[in-house]
Full PDB file with SEQRES, HELIX, SHEET, SSBOND, CRYST1, ORIGX, SCALE, CONECT and MASTER records, all heavy atoms in Angstrom:
SEQRES   1 A   39  ARG THR ASP ASP LEU ILE THR ALA ALA LEU ASP ARG LEU          
SEQRES   2 A   39  ASP ARG ALA ALA GLU GLU THR LEU TYR GLU ASP LEU ARG          
SEQRES   3 A   39  GLY TYR ASP ASP VAL ASN ARG ALA LEU ASN LEU ILE CYS          
HELIX    1 AA1 THR A    2  GLU A   19  1                                  18    
HELIX    2 AA2 LEU A   25  GLY A   27  5                                   3    
HELIX    3 AA3 ASP A   29  ILE A   38  1                                  10    
CRYST1    1.000    1.000    1.000  90.00  90.00  90.00 P 1           1          
ORIGX1      1.000000  0.000000  0.000000        0.00000                         
ORIGX2      0.000000  1.000000  0.000000        0.00000                         
ORIGX3      0.000000  0.000000  1.000000        0.00000                         
SCALE1      1.000000  0.000000  0.000000        0.00000                         
SCALE2      0.000000  1.000000  0.000000        0.00000                         
SCALE3      0.000000  0.000000  1.000000        0.00000                         
ATOM      1  N   ARG A   1     103.566  -3.205 100.320  1.00  0.00           N  
ATOM      2  CA  ARG A   1     102.907  -1.914 100.407  1.00  0.00           C  
ATOM      3  C   ARG A   1     103.947  -0.815 100.258  1.00  0.00           C  
ATOM      4  O   ARG A   1     105.113  -0.986 100.617  1.00  0.00           O  
ATOM      5  CB  ARG A   1     102.199  -1.785 101.746  1.00  0.00           C  
ATOM      6  CG  ARG A   1     101.090  -2.773 101.927  1.00  0.00           C  
ATOM      7  CD  ARG A   1     100.406  -2.648 103.241  1.00  0.00           C  
ATOM      8  NE  ARG A   1     101.163  -1.873 104.224  1.00  0.00           N  
ATOM      9  CZ  ARG A   1     100.715  -1.577 105.426  1.00  0.00           C  
ATOM     10  NH1 ARG A   1      99.549  -1.994 105.806  1.00  0.00           N  
ATOM     11  NH2 ARG A   1     101.445  -0.878 106.267  1.00  0.00           N  
ATOM     12  N   THR A   2     103.500   0.313  99.750  1.00  0.00           N  
ATOM     13  CA  THR A   2     104.405   1.432  99.539  1.00  0.00           C  
ATOM     14  C   THR A   2     105.097   1.848 100.828  1.00  0.00           C  
ATOM     15  O   THR A   2     106.305   2.099 100.836  1.00  0.00           O  
ATOM     16  CB  THR A   2     103.640   2.629  98.943  1.00  0.00           C  
ATOM     17  OG1 THR A   2     103.042   2.216  97.719  1.00  0.00           O  
ATOM     18  CG2 THR A   2     104.555   3.802  98.679  1.00  0.00           C  
ATOM     19  N   ASP A   3     104.359   1.895 101.935  1.00  0.00           N  
ATOM     20  CA  ASP A   3     105.005   2.316 103.179  1.00  0.00           C  
ATOM     21  C   ASP A   3     106.040   1.303 103.651  1.00  0.00           C  
ATOM     22  O   ASP A   3     107.030   1.666 104.282  1.00  0.00           O  
ATOM     23  CB  ASP A   3     103.994   2.644 104.274  1.00  0.00           C  
ATOM     24  CG  ASP A   3     103.073   1.510 104.630  1.00  0.00           C  
ATOM     25  OD1 ASP A   3     102.911   0.587 103.827  1.00  0.00           O  
ATOM     26  OD2 ASP A   3     102.488   1.548 105.729  1.00  0.00           O  
ATOM     27  N   ASP A   4     105.850   0.018 103.320  1.00  0.00           N  
ATOM     28  CA  ASP A   4     106.867  -0.987 103.649  1.00  0.00           C  
ATOM     29  C   ASP A   4     108.141  -0.744 102.846  1.00  0.00           C  
ATOM     30  O   ASP A   4     109.250  -0.880 103.375  1.00  0.00           O  
ATOM     31  CB  ASP A   4     106.357  -2.399 103.375  1.00  0.00           C  
ATOM     32  CG  ASP A   4     105.252  -2.829 104.315  1.00  0.00           C  
ATOM     33  OD1 ASP A   4     105.147  -2.254 105.423  1.00  0.00           O  
ATOM     34  OD2 ASP A   4     104.480  -3.737 103.939  1.00  0.00           O  
ATOM     35  N   LEU A   5     107.992  -0.398 101.579  1.00  0.00           N  
ATOM     36  CA  LEU A   5     109.161  -0.116 100.739  1.00  0.00           C  
ATOM     37  C   LEU A   5     109.902   1.124 101.229  1.00  0.00           C  
ATOM     38  O   LEU A   5     111.132   1.140 101.294  1.00  0.00           O  
ATOM     39  CB  LEU A   5     108.735   0.078  99.281  1.00  0.00           C  
ATOM     40  CG  LEU A   5     108.239  -1.158  98.555  1.00  0.00           C  
ATOM     41  CD1 LEU A   5     107.688  -0.774  97.197  1.00  0.00           C  
ATOM     42  CD2 LEU A   5     109.359  -2.172  98.406  1.00  0.00           C  
ATOM     43  N   ILE A   6     109.144   2.140 101.574  1.00  0.00           N  
ATOM     44  CA  ILE A   6     109.760   3.371 102.065  1.00  0.00           C  
ATOM     45  C   ILE A   6     110.480   3.122 103.382  1.00  0.00           C  
ATOM     46  O   ILE A   6     111.623   3.558 103.577  1.00  0.00           O  
ATOM     47  CB  ILE A   6     108.706   4.487 102.193  1.00  0.00           C  
ATOM     48  CG1 ILE A   6     108.231   4.889 100.794  1.00  0.00           C  
ATOM     49  CG2 ILE A   6     109.266   5.691 102.945  1.00  0.00           C  
ATOM     50  CD1 ILE A   6     107.001   5.758 100.786  1.00  0.00           C  
ATOM     51  N   THR A   7     109.838   2.396 104.282  1.00  0.00           N  
ATOM     52  CA  THR A   7     110.466   2.084 105.567  1.00  0.00           C  
ATOM     53  C   THR A   7     111.744   1.284 105.363  1.00  0.00           C  
ATOM     54  O   THR A   7     112.777   1.566 105.990  1.00  0.00           O  
ATOM     55  CB  THR A   7     109.483   1.320 106.479  1.00  0.00           C  
ATOM     56  OG1 THR A   7     108.355   2.159 106.727  1.00  0.00           O  
ATOM     57  CG2 THR A   7     110.127   0.949 107.799  1.00  0.00           C  
ATOM     58  N   ALA A   8     111.710   0.304 104.471  1.00  0.00           N  
ATOM     59  CA  ALA A   8     112.906  -0.503 104.194  1.00  0.00           C  
ATOM     60  C   ALA A   8     114.020   0.364 103.603  1.00  0.00           C  
ATOM     61  O   ALA A   8     115.194   0.213 103.968  1.00  0.00           O  
ATOM     62  CB  ALA A   8     112.562  -1.651 103.253  1.00  0.00           C  
ATOM     63  N   ALA A   9     113.667   1.278 102.721  1.00  0.00           N  
ATOM     64  CA  ALA A   9     114.674   2.157 102.116  1.00  0.00           C  
ATOM     65  C   ALA A   9     115.266   3.099 103.159  1.00  0.00           C  
ATOM     66  O   ALA A   9     116.483   3.317 103.192  1.00  0.00           O  
ATOM     67  CB  ALA A   9     114.052   2.943 100.965  1.00  0.00           C  
ATOM     68  N   LEU A  10     114.426   3.659 104.014  1.00  0.00           N  
ATOM     69  CA  LEU A  10     114.928   4.530 105.081  1.00  0.00           C  
ATOM     70  C   LEU A  10     115.842   3.767 106.037  1.00  0.00           C  
ATOM     71  O   LEU A  10     116.890   4.272 106.446  1.00  0.00           O  
ATOM     72  CB  LEU A  10     113.761   5.156 105.845  1.00  0.00           C  
ATOM     73  CG  LEU A  10     112.955   6.211 105.090  1.00  0.00           C  
ATOM     74  CD1 LEU A  10     111.658   6.519 105.823  1.00  0.00           C  
ATOM     75  CD2 LEU A  10     113.778   7.467 104.875  1.00  0.00           C  
ATOM     76  N   ASP A  11     115.458   2.546 106.362  1.00  0.00           N  
ATOM     77  CA  ASP A  11     116.297   1.717 107.234  1.00  0.00           C  
ATOM     78  C   ASP A  11     117.637   1.419 106.570  1.00  0.00           C  
ATOM     79  O   ASP A  11     118.679   1.396 107.242  1.00  0.00           O  
ATOM     80  CB  ASP A  11     115.584   0.417 107.591  1.00  0.00           C  
ATOM     81  CG  ASP A  11     114.410   0.627 108.534  1.00  0.00           C  
ATOM     82  OD1 ASP A  11     114.283   1.721 109.126  1.00  0.00           O  
ATOM     83  OD2 ASP A  11     113.596  -0.315 108.671  1.00  0.00           O  
ATOM     84  N   ARG A  12     117.625   1.207 105.252  1.00  0.00           N  
ATOM     85  CA  ARG A  12     118.877   0.935 104.539  1.00  0.00           C  
ATOM     86  C   ARG A  12     119.801   2.141 104.603  1.00  0.00           C  
ATOM     87  O   ARG A  12     121.018   2.010 104.766  1.00  0.00           O  
ATOM     88  CB  ARG A  12     118.591   0.552 103.078  1.00  0.00           C  
ATOM     89  CG  ARG A  12     119.850   0.217 102.290  1.00  0.00           C  
ATOM     90  CD  ARG A  12     120.546  -0.998 102.887  1.00  0.00           C  
ATOM     91  NE  ARG A  12     121.843  -1.252 102.313  1.00  0.00           N  
ATOM     92  CZ  ARG A  12     123.002  -1.002 102.930  1.00  0.00           C  
ATOM     93  NH1 ARG A  12     123.024  -0.491 104.153  1.00  0.00           N  
ATOM     94  NH2 ARG A  12     124.145  -1.274 102.350  1.00  0.00           N  
ATOM     95  N   LEU A  13     119.231   3.335 104.482  1.00  0.00           N  
ATOM     96  CA  LEU A  13     120.056   4.537 104.567  1.00  0.00           C  
ATOM     97  C   LEU A  13     120.611   4.724 105.972  1.00  0.00           C  
ATOM     98  O   LEU A  13     121.766   5.146 106.129  1.00  0.00           O  
ATOM     99  CB  LEU A  13     119.246   5.759 104.121  1.00  0.00           C  
ATOM    100  CG  LEU A  13     118.821   5.749 102.651  1.00  0.00           C  
ATOM    101  CD1 LEU A  13     117.986   6.979 102.333  1.00  0.00           C  
ATOM    102  CD2 LEU A  13     120.011   5.625 101.710  1.00  0.00           C  
ATOM    103  N   ASP A  14     119.832   4.390 106.974  1.00  0.00           N  
ATOM    104  CA  ASP A  14     120.334   4.435 108.361  1.00  0.00           C  
ATOM    105  C   ASP A  14     121.538   3.511 108.524  1.00  0.00           C  
ATOM    106  O   ASP A  14     122.553   3.887 109.121  1.00  0.00           O  
ATOM    107  CB  ASP A  14     119.247   4.029 109.351  1.00  0.00           C  
ATOM    108  CG  ASP A  14     118.153   5.072 109.519  1.00  0.00           C  
ATOM    109  OD1 ASP A  14     118.393   6.261 109.230  1.00  0.00           O  
ATOM    110  OD2 ASP A  14     117.052   4.688 109.950  1.00  0.00           O  
ATOM    111  N   ARG A  15     121.414   2.284 108.010  1.00  0.00           N  
ATOM    112  CA  ARG A  15     122.525   1.331 108.120  1.00  0.00           C  
ATOM    113  C   ARG A  15     123.742   1.790 107.324  1.00  0.00           C  
ATOM    114  O   ARG A  15     124.883   1.583 107.740  1.00  0.00           O  
ATOM    115  CB  ARG A  15     122.083  -0.060 107.652  1.00  0.00           C  
ATOM    116  CG  ARG A  15     121.147  -0.753 108.618  1.00  0.00           C  
ATOM    117  CD  ARG A  15     120.931  -2.225 108.287  1.00  0.00           C  
ATOM    118  NE  ARG A  15     120.750  -2.532 106.891  1.00  0.00           N  
ATOM    119  CZ  ARG A  15     119.583  -2.469 106.234  1.00  0.00           C  
ATOM    120  NH1 ARG A  15     118.485  -2.096 106.857  1.00  0.00           N  
ATOM    121  NH2 ARG A  15     119.517  -2.789 104.957  1.00  0.00           N  
ATOM    122  N   ALA A  16     123.505   2.428 106.195  1.00  0.00           N  
ATOM    123  CA  ALA A  16     124.609   2.912 105.364  1.00  0.00           C  
ATOM    124  C   ALA A  16     125.464   3.933 106.119  1.00  0.00           C  
ATOM    125  O   ALA A  16     126.683   3.943 105.973  1.00  0.00           O  
ATOM    126  CB  ALA A  16     124.064   3.526 104.073  1.00  0.00           C  
ATOM    127  N   ALA A  17     124.813   4.747 106.931  1.00  0.00           N  
ATOM    128  CA  ALA A  17     125.555   5.743 107.707  1.00  0.00           C  
ATOM    129  C   ALA A  17     126.558   5.076 108.640  1.00  0.00           C  
ATOM    130  O   ALA A  17     127.651   5.599 108.867  1.00  0.00           O  
ATOM    131  CB  ALA A  17     124.582   6.623 108.493  1.00  0.00           C  
ATOM    132  N   GLU A  18     126.210   3.926 109.169  1.00  0.00           N  
ATOM    133  CA  GLU A  18     127.140   3.183 110.032  1.00  0.00           C  
ATOM    134  C   GLU A  18     128.169   2.413 109.202  1.00  0.00           C  
ATOM    135  O   GLU A  18     129.357   2.398 109.529  1.00  0.00           O  
ATOM    136  CB  GLU A  18     126.349   2.209 110.905  1.00  0.00           C  
ATOM    137  CG  GLU A  18     127.209   1.490 111.903  1.00  0.00           C  
ATOM    138  CD  GLU A  18     126.399   0.607 112.835  1.00  0.00           C  
ATOM    139  OE1 GLU A  18     125.278   0.990 113.201  1.00  0.00           O  
ATOM    140  OE2 GLU A  18     126.903  -0.468 113.188  1.00  0.00           O  
ATOM    141  N   GLU A  19     127.720   1.791 108.127  1.00  0.00           N  
ATOM    142  CA  GLU A  19     128.613   0.972 107.296  1.00  0.00           C  
ATOM    143  C   GLU A  19     129.709   1.788 106.632  1.00  0.00           C  
ATOM    144  O   GLU A  19     130.772   1.252 106.313  1.00  0.00           O  
ATOM    145  CB  GLU A  19     127.801   0.245 106.224  1.00  0.00           C  
ATOM    146  CG  GLU A  19     126.891  -0.819 106.779  1.00  0.00           C  
ATOM    147  CD  GLU A  19     125.914  -1.351 105.738  1.00  0.00           C  
ATOM    148  OE1 GLU A  19     125.949  -0.894 104.574  1.00  0.00           O  
ATOM    149  OE2 GLU A  19     125.108  -2.211 106.105  1.00  0.00           O  
ATOM    150  N   THR A  20     129.463   3.075 106.427  1.00  0.00           N  
ATOM    151  CA  THR A  20     130.455   3.897 105.746  1.00  0.00           C  
ATOM    152  C   THR A  20     131.734   4.063 106.567  1.00  0.00           C  
ATOM    153  O   THR A  20     132.761   4.478 106.038  1.00  0.00           O  
ATOM    154  CB  THR A  20     129.867   5.267 105.356  1.00  0.00           C  
ATOM    155  OG1 THR A  20     130.720   5.879 104.396  1.00  0.00           O  
ATOM    156  CG2 THR A  20     129.705   6.175 106.563  1.00  0.00           C  
ATOM    157  N   LEU A  21     131.665   3.711 107.847  1.00  0.00           N  
ATOM    158  CA  LEU A  21     132.884   3.716 108.654  1.00  0.00           C  
ATOM    159  C   LEU A  21     133.895   2.701 108.135  1.00  0.00           C  
ATOM    160  O   LEU A  21     135.105   2.873 108.314  1.00  0.00           O  
ATOM    161  CB  LEU A  21     132.551   3.396 110.114  1.00  0.00           C  
ATOM    162  CG  LEU A  21     131.847   4.494 110.900  1.00  0.00           C  
ATOM    163  CD1 LEU A  21     131.297   3.934 112.208  1.00  0.00           C  
ATOM    164  CD2 LEU A  21     132.805   5.651 111.161  1.00  0.00           C  
ATOM    165  N   TYR A  22     133.408   1.640 107.511  1.00  0.00           N  
ATOM    166  CA  TYR A  22     134.267   0.516 107.111  1.00  0.00           C  
ATOM    167  C   TYR A  22     134.254   0.218 105.620  1.00  0.00           C  
ATOM    168  O   TYR A  22     135.099  -0.547 105.150  1.00  0.00           O  
ATOM    169  CB  TYR A  22     133.833  -0.749 107.866  1.00  0.00           C  
ATOM    170  CG  TYR A  22     133.653  -0.496 109.332  1.00  0.00           C  
ATOM    171  CD1 TYR A  22     132.391  -0.354 109.888  1.00  0.00           C  
ATOM    172  CD2 TYR A  22     134.749  -0.348 110.173  1.00  0.00           C  
ATOM    173  CE1 TYR A  22     132.217  -0.092 111.242  1.00  0.00           C  
ATOM    174  CE2 TYR A  22     134.586  -0.081 111.525  1.00  0.00           C  
ATOM    175  CZ  TYR A  22     133.321   0.042 112.053  1.00  0.00           C  
ATOM    176  OH  TYR A  22     133.154   0.307 113.383  1.00  0.00           O  
ATOM    177  N   GLU A  23     133.290   0.771 104.897  1.00  0.00           N  
ATOM    178  CA  GLU A  23     133.118   0.438 103.490  1.00  0.00           C  
ATOM    179  C   GLU A  23     132.993   1.700 102.640  1.00  0.00           C  
ATOM    180  O   GLU A  23     132.465   2.708 103.094  1.00  0.00           O  
ATOM    181  CB  GLU A  23     131.832  -0.386 103.290  1.00  0.00           C  
ATOM    182  CG  GLU A  23     131.785  -1.698 104.035  1.00  0.00           C  
ATOM    183  CD  GLU A  23     132.684  -2.756 103.438  1.00  0.00           C  
ATOM    184  OE1 GLU A  23     132.985  -2.677 102.236  1.00  0.00           O  
ATOM    185  OE2 GLU A  23     133.086  -3.656 104.183  1.00  0.00           O  
ATOM    186  N   ASP A  24     133.416   1.592 101.387  1.00  0.00           N  
ATOM    187  CA  ASP A  24     133.173   2.641 100.406  1.00  0.00           C  
ATOM    188  C   ASP A  24     131.832   2.313  99.758  1.00  0.00           C  
ATOM    189  O   ASP A  24     131.715   1.358  98.992  1.00  0.00           O  
ATOM    190  CB  ASP A  24     134.297   2.648  99.368  1.00  0.00           C  
ATOM    191  CG  ASP A  24     134.083   3.688  98.290  1.00  0.00           C  
ATOM    192  OD1 ASP A  24     133.033   4.378  98.290  1.00  0.00           O  
ATOM    193  OD2 ASP A  24     134.971   3.812  97.430  1.00  0.00           O  
ATOM    194  N   LEU A  25     130.809   3.069 100.078  1.00  0.00           N  
ATOM    195  CA  LEU A  25     129.446   2.766  99.648  1.00  0.00           C  
ATOM    196  C   LEU A  25     129.071   3.360  98.299  1.00  0.00           C  
ATOM    197  O   LEU A  25     127.947   3.172  97.836  1.00  0.00           O  
ATOM    198  CB  LEU A  25     128.442   3.263 100.699  1.00  0.00           C  
ATOM    199  CG  LEU A  25     128.613   2.695 102.102  1.00  0.00           C  
ATOM    200  CD1 LEU A  25     127.592   3.316 103.035  1.00  0.00           C  
ATOM    201  CD2 LEU A  25     128.485   1.184 102.086  1.00  0.00           C  
ATOM    202  N   ARG A  26     129.989   4.049  97.661  1.00  0.00           N  
ATOM    203  CA  ARG A  26     129.639   4.727  96.412  1.00  0.00           C  
ATOM    204  C   ARG A  26     129.114   3.783  95.345  1.00  0.00           C  
ATOM    205  O   ARG A  26     128.267   4.169  94.563  1.00  0.00           O  
ATOM    206  CB  ARG A  26     130.828   5.514  95.882  1.00  0.00           C  
ATOM    207  CG  ARG A  26     131.131   6.726  96.746  1.00  0.00           C  
ATOM    208  CD  ARG A  26     132.347   7.433  96.295  1.00  0.00           C  
ATOM    209  NE  ARG A  26     133.516   6.594  96.615  1.00  0.00           N  
ATOM    210  CZ  ARG A  26     134.761   6.942  96.406  1.00  0.00           C  
ATOM    211  NH1 ARG A  26     135.041   8.113  95.887  1.00  0.00           N  
ATOM    212  NH2 ARG A  26     135.756   6.138  96.737  1.00  0.00           N  
ATOM    213  N   GLY A  27     129.553   2.552  95.309  1.00  0.00           N  
ATOM    214  CA  GLY A  27     129.111   1.620  94.281  1.00  0.00           C  
ATOM    215  C   GLY A  27     128.033   0.650  94.744  1.00  0.00           C  
ATOM    216  O   GLY A  27     127.696  -0.281  94.017  1.00  0.00           O  
ATOM    217  N   TYR A  28     127.492   0.850  95.915  1.00  0.00           N  
ATOM    218  CA  TYR A  28     126.486  -0.072  96.454  1.00  0.00           C  
ATOM    219  C   TYR A  28     125.130   0.219  95.812  1.00  0.00           C  
ATOM    220  O   TYR A  28     124.486   1.223  96.119  1.00  0.00           O  
ATOM    221  CB  TYR A  28     126.385   0.060  97.975  1.00  0.00           C  
ATOM    222  CG  TYR A  28     127.448  -0.685  98.740  1.00  0.00           C  
ATOM    223  CD1 TYR A  28     128.766  -0.730  98.307  1.00  0.00           C  
ATOM    224  CD2 TYR A  28     127.130  -1.335  99.914  1.00  0.00           C  
ATOM    225  CE1 TYR A  28     129.732  -1.406  99.032  1.00  0.00           C  
ATOM    226  CE2 TYR A  28     128.097  -2.019 100.648  1.00  0.00           C  
ATOM    227  CZ  TYR A  28     129.394  -2.044 100.193  1.00  0.00           C  
ATOM    228  OH  TYR A  28     130.337  -2.723 100.909  1.00  0.00           O  
ATOM    229  N   ASP A  29     124.695  -0.680  94.940  1.00  0.00           N  
ATOM    230  CA  ASP A  29     123.434  -0.481  94.229  1.00  0.00           C  
ATOM    231  C   ASP A  29     122.241  -0.390  95.169  1.00  0.00           C  
ATOM    232  O   ASP A  29     121.329   0.398  94.933  1.00  0.00           O  
ATOM    233  CB  ASP A  29     123.196  -1.606  93.218  1.00  0.00           C  
ATOM    234  CG  ASP A  29     124.143  -1.533  92.038  1.00  0.00           C  
ATOM    235  OD1 ASP A  29     124.690  -0.439  91.763  1.00  0.00           O  
ATOM    236  OD2 ASP A  29     124.337  -2.567  91.376  1.00  0.00           O  
ATOM    237  N   ASP A  30     122.234  -1.188  96.240  1.00  0.00           N  
ATOM    238  CA  ASP A  30     121.075  -1.157  97.136  1.00  0.00           C  
ATOM    239  C   ASP A  30     120.960   0.183  97.859  1.00  0.00           C  
ATOM    240  O   ASP A  30     119.852   0.694  98.063  1.00  0.00           O  
ATOM    241  CB  ASP A  30     121.098  -2.319  98.125  1.00  0.00           C  
ATOM    242  CG  ASP A  30     122.310  -2.324  99.034  1.00  0.00           C  
ATOM    243  OD1 ASP A  30     123.398  -1.868  98.610  1.00  0.00           O  
ATOM    244  OD2 ASP A  30     122.179  -2.794 100.176  1.00  0.00           O  
ATOM    245  N   VAL A  31     122.093   0.785  98.192  1.00  0.00           N  
ATOM    246  CA  VAL A  31     122.065   2.099  98.830  1.00  0.00           C  
ATOM    247  C   VAL A  31     121.586   3.143  97.817  1.00  0.00           C  
ATOM    248  O   VAL A  31     120.748   3.993  98.142  1.00  0.00           O  
ATOM    249  CB  VAL A  31     123.440   2.479  99.406  1.00  0.00           C  
ATOM    250  CG1 VAL A  31     123.439   3.905  99.949  1.00  0.00           C  
ATOM    251  CG2 VAL A  31     123.856   1.488 100.493  1.00  0.00           C  
ATOM    252  N   ASN A  32     122.078   3.066  96.603  1.00  0.00           N  
ATOM    253  CA  ASN A  32     121.645   4.007  95.566  1.00  0.00           C  
ATOM    254  C   ASN A  32     120.160   3.869  95.261  1.00  0.00           C  
ATOM    255  O   ASN A  32     119.471   4.874  95.084  1.00  0.00           O  
ATOM    256  CB  ASN A  32     122.477   3.827  94.295  1.00  0.00           C  
ATOM    257  CG  ASN A  32     123.887   4.349  94.460  1.00  0.00           C  
ATOM    258  OD1 ASN A  32     124.110   5.379  95.088  1.00  0.00           O  
ATOM    259  ND2 ASN A  32     124.842   3.633  93.912  1.00  0.00           N  
ATOM    260  N   ARG A  33     119.663   2.643  95.200  1.00  0.00           N  
ATOM    261  CA  ARG A  33     118.221   2.434  94.961  1.00  0.00           C  
ATOM    262  C   ARG A  33     117.398   2.996  96.106  1.00  0.00           C  
ATOM    263  O   ARG A  33     116.371   3.647  95.882  1.00  0.00           O  
ATOM    264  CB  ARG A  33     117.912   0.952  94.766  1.00  0.00           C  
ATOM    265  CG  ARG A  33     118.267   0.425  93.393  1.00  0.00           C  
ATOM    266  CD  ARG A  33     117.697  -0.965  93.146  1.00  0.00           C  
ATOM    267  NE  ARG A  33     118.093  -1.938  94.143  1.00  0.00           N  
ATOM    268  CZ  ARG A  33     119.181  -2.688  94.086  1.00  0.00           C  
ATOM    269  NH1 ARG A  33     119.990  -2.593  93.052  1.00  0.00           N  
ATOM    270  NH2 ARG A  33     119.468  -3.545  95.040  1.00  0.00           N  
ATOM    271  N   ALA A  34     117.840   2.766  97.338  1.00  0.00           N  
ATOM    272  CA  ALA A  34     117.120   3.303  98.505  1.00  0.00           C  
ATOM    273  C   ALA A  34     117.112   4.826  98.465  1.00  0.00           C  
ATOM    274  O   ALA A  34     116.066   5.454  98.677  1.00  0.00           O  
ATOM    275  CB  ALA A  34     117.762   2.792  99.801  1.00  0.00           C  
ATOM    276  N   LEU A  35     118.252   5.421  98.181  1.00  0.00           N  
ATOM    277  CA  LEU A  35     118.340   6.875  98.114  1.00  0.00           C  
ATOM    278  C   LEU A  35     117.432   7.423  97.017  1.00  0.00           C  
ATOM    279  O   LEU A  35     116.694   8.389  97.235  1.00  0.00           O  
ATOM    280  CB  LEU A  35     119.796   7.301  97.875  1.00  0.00           C  
ATOM    281  CG  LEU A  35     120.060   8.803  97.858  1.00  0.00           C  
ATOM    282  CD1 LEU A  35     119.770   9.425  99.218  1.00  0.00           C  
ATOM    283  CD2 LEU A  35     121.503   9.059  97.443  1.00  0.00           C  
ATOM    284  N   ASN A  36     117.455   6.803  95.857  1.00  0.00           N  
ATOM    285  CA  ASN A  36     116.617   7.267  94.748  1.00  0.00           C  
ATOM    286  C   ASN A  36     115.135   7.155  95.085  1.00  0.00           C  
ATOM    287  O   ASN A  36     114.359   8.070  94.792  1.00  0.00           O  
ATOM    288  CB  ASN A  36     116.932   6.490  93.474  1.00  0.00           C  
ATOM    289  CG  ASN A  36     118.295   6.829  92.915  1.00  0.00           C  
ATOM    290  OD1 ASN A  36     118.838   7.899  93.175  1.00  0.00           O  
ATOM    291  ND2 ASN A  36     118.871   5.920  92.161  1.00  0.00           N  
ATOM    292  N   LEU A  37     114.729   6.056  95.686  1.00  0.00           N  
ATOM    293  CA  LEU A  37     113.325   5.867  96.051  1.00  0.00           C  
ATOM    294  C   LEU A  37     112.875   6.944  97.030  1.00  0.00           C  
ATOM    295  O   LEU A  37     111.846   7.594  96.833  1.00  0.00           O  
ATOM    296  CB  LEU A  37     113.106   4.477  96.658  1.00  0.00           C  
ATOM    297  CG  LEU A  37     111.709   4.222  97.224  1.00  0.00           C  
ATOM    298  CD1 LEU A  37     110.676   4.177  96.102  1.00  0.00           C  
ATOM    299  CD2 LEU A  37     111.685   2.923  98.015  1.00  0.00           C  
ATOM    300  N   ILE A  38     113.648   7.149  98.069  1.00  0.00           N  
ATOM    301  CA  ILE A  38     113.272   8.115  99.098  1.00  0.00           C  
ATOM    302  C   ILE A  38     113.261   9.540  98.538  1.00  0.00           C  
ATOM    303  O   ILE A  38     112.373  10.332  98.841  1.00  0.00           O  
ATOM    304  CB  ILE A  38     114.232   8.017 100.304  1.00  0.00           C  
ATOM    305  CG1 ILE A  38     114.061   6.669 100.993  1.00  0.00           C  
ATOM    306  CG2 ILE A  38     114.009   9.157 101.286  1.00  0.00           C  
ATOM    307  CD1 ILE A  38     112.651   6.351 101.417  1.00  0.00           C  
ATOM    308  N   CYS A  39     114.230   9.854  97.716  1.00  0.00           N  
ATOM    309  CA  CYS A  39     114.363  11.228  97.232  1.00  0.00           C  
ATOM    310  C   CYS A  39     113.381  11.580  96.124  1.00  0.00           C  
ATOM    311  O   CYS A  39     113.121  12.765  95.903  1.00  0.00           O  
ATOM    312  CB  CYS A  39     115.794  11.470  96.776  1.00  0.00           C  
ATOM    313  SG  CYS A  39     116.936  11.541  98.177  1.00  0.00           S  
TER     314      CYS A  39                                                      
MASTER        0    0    0    3    0    0    0    6  313    1    0    3          
END                                                                             
């Protein structure tokens, strides 16, 4: 369902905020896809 996809994308962005402490997320396709979907 669309709301499931949106929720999953929002959750991915939440996790990215924490992961950026340890990783360079600029090339992470899943983060970019989540950002594009939400935006």
